[in-house]
Protein backbone atom coordinates (compact mmCIF):
# COMPACT_ATOMS: atom_id res chain seq x y z
CA UNK A 1 46.55 6.03 16.27
CA UNK A 2 43.93 8.58 17.30
CA UNK A 3 44.53 10.62 14.16
CA UNK A 4 44.08 7.48 12.04
CA UNK A 5 40.80 6.64 13.79
CA UNK A 6 39.60 10.21 13.37
CA UNK A 7 40.45 10.15 9.66
CA UNK A 8 38.63 6.81 9.25
CA UNK A 9 35.57 8.19 11.07
CA UNK A 10 35.56 11.33 8.89
CA UNK A 11 35.79 9.20 5.73
CA UNK A 12 32.96 6.97 6.98
CA UNK A 13 30.71 9.97 7.61
CA UNK A 14 31.47 11.42 4.19
CA UNK A 15 30.38 8.20 2.51
CA UNK A 16 26.98 7.96 4.16
CA UNK A 17 24.05 7.59 1.79
CA UNK A 18 21.62 10.45 1.34
CA UNK A 19 18.39 10.19 -0.59
CA UNK A 20 15.21 12.24 -1.01
CA UNK A 21 12.02 11.95 -3.01
CA UNK A 22 9.34 14.62 -3.15
CA UNK A 23 6.32 14.60 -5.45
CA UNK A 24 2.61 15.33 -5.69
CA UNK A 25 -0.29 13.71 -7.51
CA UNK A 26 -3.57 15.20 -8.63
CA UNK A 27 -6.85 13.99 -10.12
CA UNK A 28 -8.27 15.27 -13.37
CA UNK A 29 -11.46 13.88 -14.90
CA UNK A 30 -11.32 11.00 -12.43
CA UNK A 31 -7.75 9.99 -13.35
CA UNK A 32 -4.75 10.41 -11.02
CA UNK A 33 -1.53 11.69 -12.55
CA UNK A 34 1.85 12.67 -11.17
CA UNK A 35 2.76 16.32 -10.79
CA UNK A 36 6.19 17.73 -9.99
CA UNK A 37 8.86 15.17 -8.97
CA UNK A 38 12.16 15.78 -7.20
CA UNK A 39 14.72 13.01 -6.61
CA UNK A 40 18.19 13.23 -5.13
CA UNK A 41 20.90 10.90 -3.90
CA UNK A 42 20.26 7.16 -3.84
CA UNK A 43 16.47 7.22 -3.51
CA UNK A 44 14.22 6.90 -6.57
CA UNK A 45 10.53 6.35 -7.26
CA UNK A 46 9.16 4.68 -10.38
CA UNK A 47 5.61 4.48 -11.72
CA UNK A 48 5.65 1.11 -13.51
CA UNK A 49 2.42 1.20 -15.49
CA UNK A 50 -0.55 3.49 -16.10
CA UNK A 51 -3.81 2.59 -14.40
CA UNK A 52 -7.42 3.37 -15.19
CA UNK A 53 -7.95 5.68 -12.22
CA UNK A 54 -5.34 5.42 -9.50
CA UNK A 55 -1.55 5.65 -9.66
CA UNK A 56 1.06 3.28 -8.19
CA UNK A 57 4.62 4.16 -7.22
CA UNK A 58 7.58 1.96 -6.29
CA UNK A 59 10.53 3.23 -4.22
CA UNK A 60 14.01 2.01 -5.11
CA UNK A 61 17.04 2.51 -2.86
CA UNK A 62 20.07 2.29 -5.15
CA UNK A 63 22.38 2.25 -2.12
CA UNK A 64 21.36 -1.38 -1.61
CA UNK A 65 20.27 -0.95 1.99
CA UNK A 66 20.49 1.40 4.96
CA UNK A 67 23.57 1.83 7.14
CA UNK A 68 24.39 3.93 10.19
CA UNK A 69 24.39 7.65 9.49
CA UNK A 70 22.34 7.32 6.28
CA UNK A 71 19.38 9.65 5.81
CA UNK A 72 16.36 9.25 3.56
CA UNK A 73 13.52 11.76 3.24
CA UNK A 74 10.16 11.21 1.52
CA UNK A 75 7.52 13.90 1.06
CA UNK A 76 4.29 13.15 -0.79
CA UNK A 77 1.10 15.13 -1.38
CA UNK A 78 -2.09 13.62 -2.82
CA UNK A 79 -4.45 16.39 -3.91
CA UNK A 80 -8.24 16.24 -3.63
CA UNK A 81 -9.80 13.06 -5.10
CA UNK A 82 -6.42 11.53 -6.08
CA UNK A 83 -5.73 7.82 -5.52
CA UNK A 84 -2.17 6.68 -4.85
CA UNK A 85 -0.62 3.35 -3.80
CA UNK A 86 3.04 3.16 -2.76
CA UNK A 87 5.33 0.22 -2.12
CA UNK A 88 9.03 -0.73 -2.33
CA UNK A 89 10.87 -2.82 -4.89
CA UNK A 90 12.16 -5.14 -2.15
CA UNK A 91 12.44 -5.49 1.59
CA UNK A 92 14.60 -2.71 3.06
CA UNK A 93 17.64 -3.99 5.00
CA UNK A 94 19.15 -1.97 7.84
CA UNK A 95 22.72 -3.06 8.57
CA UNK A 96 24.78 -3.04 11.75
CA UNK A 97 26.67 0.10 12.68
CA UNK A 98 29.03 1.20 15.46
CA UNK A 99 28.07 4.83 14.89
CA UNK A 100 25.06 7.08 14.45
CA UNK A 101 21.59 5.75 13.74
CA UNK A 102 20.10 5.94 10.25
CA UNK A 103 17.32 8.49 9.80
CA UNK A 104 14.13 7.77 7.81
CA UNK A 105 11.65 10.66 7.52
CA UNK A 106 8.28 10.28 5.78
CA UNK A 107 5.75 13.10 5.35
CA UNK A 108 2.36 12.32 3.78
CA UNK A 109 -0.41 14.80 2.96
CA UNK A 110 -3.81 13.63 1.71
CA UNK A 111 -6.52 16.00 0.46
CA UNK A 112 -10.32 15.84 0.55
CA UNK A 113 -11.71 12.71 -1.07
CA UNK A 114 -8.20 11.42 -1.79
CA UNK A 115 -6.91 7.97 -0.84
CA UNK A 116 -3.32 7.00 -0.09
CA UNK A 117 -2.14 3.43 0.53
CA UNK A 118 1.36 3.16 2.01
CA UNK A 119 2.31 -0.52 1.59
CA UNK A 120 6.08 -1.01 1.65
CA UNK A 121 7.59 -4.46 1.91
CA UNK A 122 9.11 -5.33 5.26
CA UNK A 123 12.03 -3.56 6.95
CA UNK A 124 14.66 -6.06 8.13
CA UNK A 125 16.97 -5.07 10.99
CA UNK A 126 20.29 -6.89 11.31
CA UNK A 127 21.98 -7.37 14.67
CA UNK A 128 23.37 -4.08 16.00
CA UNK A 129 21.45 -2.03 13.46
CA UNK A 130 20.36 1.43 14.54
CA UNK A 131 17.51 3.31 12.89
CA UNK A 132 15.15 6.14 13.77
CA UNK A 133 12.02 6.52 11.65
CA UNK A 134 9.47 9.32 11.68
CA UNK A 135 6.02 9.55 10.05
CA UNK A 136 4.23 12.90 9.83
CA UNK A 137 0.78 12.48 8.27
CA UNK A 138 -1.67 15.26 7.46
CA UNK A 139 -5.17 14.08 6.48
CA UNK A 140 -8.14 16.11 5.38
CA UNK A 141 -11.31 15.21 7.27
CA UNK A 142 -12.65 13.58 4.09
CA UNK A 143 -9.41 11.75 3.17
CA UNK A 144 -8.76 8.03 3.52
CA UNK A 145 -5.53 6.26 4.42
CA UNK A 146 -4.16 2.72 4.60
CA UNK A 147 -0.73 2.66 6.18
CA UNK A 148 1.03 -0.66 6.83
CA UNK A 149 4.51 -1.35 8.17
CA UNK A 150 6.28 -4.64 8.97
CA UNK A 151 9.53 -4.73 10.95
CA UNK A 152 11.63 -7.90 11.19
CA UNK A 153 14.28 -8.33 13.88
CA UNK A 154 16.67 -10.67 12.08
CA UNK A 155 16.01 -13.19 9.32
CA UNK A 156 14.75 -16.27 11.12
CA UNK A 157 15.01 -18.43 7.98
CA UNK A 158 18.74 -17.66 7.89
CA UNK A 159 19.23 -18.41 11.57
CA UNK A 160 19.78 -14.72 12.30
CA UNK A 161 18.45 -12.74 15.23
CA UNK A 162 18.76 -9.14 16.32
CA UNK A 163 20.22 -9.12 19.81
CA UNK A 164 21.48 -5.54 20.21
CA UNK A 165 20.67 -2.28 18.48
CA UNK A 166 18.20 0.59 18.31
CA UNK A 167 14.77 0.98 16.72
CA UNK A 168 12.76 4.16 17.24
CA UNK A 169 9.48 4.58 15.34
CA UNK A 170 7.59 7.87 15.77
CA UNK A 171 4.12 8.33 14.21
CA UNK A 172 2.17 11.59 14.30
CA UNK A 173 -1.15 11.90 12.41
CA UNK A 174 -3.23 15.04 12.09
CA UNK A 175 -6.77 15.02 10.78
CA UNK A 176 -8.40 18.29 9.82
CA UNK A 177 -5.37 20.06 11.27
CA UNK A 178 -5.77 18.49 14.73
CA UNK A 179 -3.49 15.86 16.24
CA UNK A 180 -5.52 12.63 16.15
CA UNK A 181 -2.94 9.91 16.71
CA UNK A 182 0.52 9.93 18.28
CA UNK A 183 2.75 7.00 19.09
CA UNK A 184 6.44 6.32 19.61
CA UNK A 185 7.94 2.82 19.79
CA UNK A 186 11.44 2.61 21.23
CA UNK A 187 13.52 -0.55 21.48
CA UNK A 188 17.21 -0.23 22.24
CA UNK A 189 20.05 -1.96 24.02
CA UNK A 190 19.38 -5.65 24.57
CA UNK A 191 16.54 -5.88 22.05
CA UNK A 192 16.63 -9.69 21.85
CA UNK A 193 15.89 -10.03 25.57
CA UNK A 194 13.13 -7.42 25.42
CA UNK A 195 11.40 -9.13 22.49
CA UNK A 196 11.48 -12.39 24.43
CA UNK A 197 9.26 -10.95 27.17
CA UNK A 198 5.63 -12.14 27.03
CA UNK A 199 4.32 -8.57 27.31
CA UNK A 200 6.48 -7.37 24.39
CA UNK A 201 6.68 -9.97 21.58
CA UNK A 202 6.79 -13.32 23.41
CA UNK A 203 9.97 -14.23 21.48
CA UNK A 204 8.47 -13.13 18.16
CA UNK A 205 10.85 -11.79 15.50
CA UNK A 206 8.39 -9.74 13.45
CA UNK A 207 5.92 -7.02 14.32
CA UNK A 208 3.54 -5.01 12.18
CA UNK A 209 0.91 -2.29 12.22
CA UNK A 210 -1.93 -1.44 9.86
CA UNK A 211 -3.65 1.92 10.35
CA UNK A 212 -6.94 2.31 8.49
CA UNK A 213 -8.79 5.62 8.11
CA UNK A 214 -11.74 5.66 8.15
CA UNK A 215 -12.33 2.55 10.23
CA UNK A 216 -15.21 1.36 12.38
CA UNK A 217 -16.51 -1.59 14.38
CA UNK A 218 -18.03 -3.15 11.26
CA UNK A 219 -14.54 -3.36 9.73
CA UNK A 220 -13.16 -4.78 12.98
CA UNK A 221 -15.77 -7.53 12.97
CA UNK A 222 -15.04 -8.32 9.32
CA UNK A 223 -11.37 -8.82 10.15
CA UNK A 224 -12.10 -10.85 13.27
CA UNK A 225 -14.10 -13.29 11.18
CA UNK A 226 -10.78 -14.39 9.67
CA UNK A 227 -9.08 -14.90 13.05
CA UNK A 228 -8.90 -18.69 12.76
CA UNK A 229 -6.63 -18.35 9.73
CA UNK A 230 -4.01 -16.23 11.52
CA UNK A 231 -0.71 -17.98 12.23
CA UNK A 232 0.58 -15.23 14.53
CA UNK A 233 -1.03 -12.87 17.01
CA UNK A 234 -3.34 -10.20 15.59
CA UNK A 235 -5.27 -7.57 17.54
CA UNK A 236 -7.73 -5.14 15.95
CA UNK A 237 -9.66 -2.21 17.38
CA UNK A 238 -11.46 0.95 16.26
CA UNK A 239 -11.94 4.36 17.85
CA UNK A 240 -12.83 7.89 16.70
CA UNK A 241 -13.14 6.86 13.07
CA UNK A 242 -9.83 4.94 12.99
CA UNK A 243 -9.10 1.22 12.91
CA UNK A 244 -5.76 -0.35 13.77
CA UNK A 245 -4.45 -3.90 13.52
CA UNK A 246 -1.36 -5.01 15.44
CA UNK A 247 0.66 -8.05 14.38
CA UNK A 248 3.29 -10.22 16.04
CA UNK A 249 4.71 -13.46 14.64
CA UNK A 250 7.69 -15.78 14.90
CA UNK A 251 8.94 -14.84 11.44
CA UNK A 252 8.29 -12.46 8.57
CA UNK A 253 6.53 -14.99 6.33
CA UNK A 254 3.80 -15.67 8.89
CA UNK A 255 3.27 -12.01 9.66
CA UNK A 256 3.15 -11.10 5.98
CA UNK A 257 0.47 -13.76 5.40
CA UNK A 258 -1.58 -12.40 8.30
CA UNK A 259 -1.18 -8.84 7.02
CA UNK A 260 -2.38 -9.89 3.55
CA UNK A 261 -5.44 -11.53 5.09
CA UNK A 262 -6.31 -8.35 6.98
CA UNK A 263 -5.76 -6.14 3.94
CA UNK A 264 -8.02 -8.38 1.86
CA UNK A 265 -10.76 -7.83 4.44
CA UNK A 266 -10.41 -4.06 4.04
CA UNK A 267 -10.94 -4.37 0.29
CA UNK A 268 -7.44 -3.06 -0.47
CA UNK A 269 -5.75 -4.06 -3.71
CA UNK A 270 -2.26 -5.35 -2.94
CA UNK A 271 0.70 -4.13 -5.02
CA UNK A 272 1.85 -6.69 -7.56
CA UNK A 273 5.26 -6.87 -5.88
CA UNK A 274 3.61 -8.27 -2.75
CA UNK A 275 2.29 -11.20 -4.76
CA UNK A 276 5.57 -12.31 -6.37
C-alpha cells in the first residue's frame, strides 16, 4: 500500500503545472512597444490590439487554474517612459490540494517616467486551497505604479466558502533602490473562522488592495468623496508619496464595484476585460 501511495504521489508531482513569462517594453517616439518575450509551460501573454501610446497585455493560464504544487513566474521590465497595462483573461481559480502549496512569483521593474498598471481579475480560492504569492517591485524614483489585487475566499454566489487552507501574500517594493514598502499577509488553518472575526474581515468573503504610486492626500480626499457609493468597507490613506486603498466585502461583485469606483477616481483606464 505504501509503495502505491508513493507512486501516486510521484505521479502527482510530475504532473504539476509550470509556467513562466518574461518580457520587457520600451518607448520610442512616445509609443510603447514590446521587446524580447519568453514564454514557457502553461502561461502565456497576449497583446490584443495596438494602442496610440501605451501597450496592454493579457495573461492566459492554459492549465485552466492553479493546483497544489504548481508554480508560475512572471518577470516584467518597463523601460524609461514606457506605459504598460496588464490584466488576466479571466479570474484565476486556485483549487483544493492535500499537498504542497502553489507558488506564484511576480517581479516588476519600472524605469524613470514609466507607468505600469497591474490589474488582474480576481483570484478565487476554493476550500482547502493552498497558495503562496510573492511580489518583488523595483521602481525608479520617477516611475508610477498602479497595482490592484482582489482575493475571494469561496464563490458566495455558488454557496461556496473557504473554510480551511493557506494563503500567504508577500509584497516587497523598492523605490530608488531602497525598500519603501513591505507587507506579508498570512491566513492558514481555519481560515473561515479567522475571516469571521470583526478585526479581520467581519465575515467578508473578499478582500482587495490598491497601491498607487505616486499618491497624496489630494488623491485620498478625491476617493473619499465617493464613500457613500461603496457597498463594502474601504479604507484609504497616503504616506511618503504612496497611497493605498484597502477593501473588504461580502462577495466579489461588491468588492469589484468598489475597486472600479476607486480606480475611476485615480484617472486609471480600466482594461476592457473588466467591463465585460
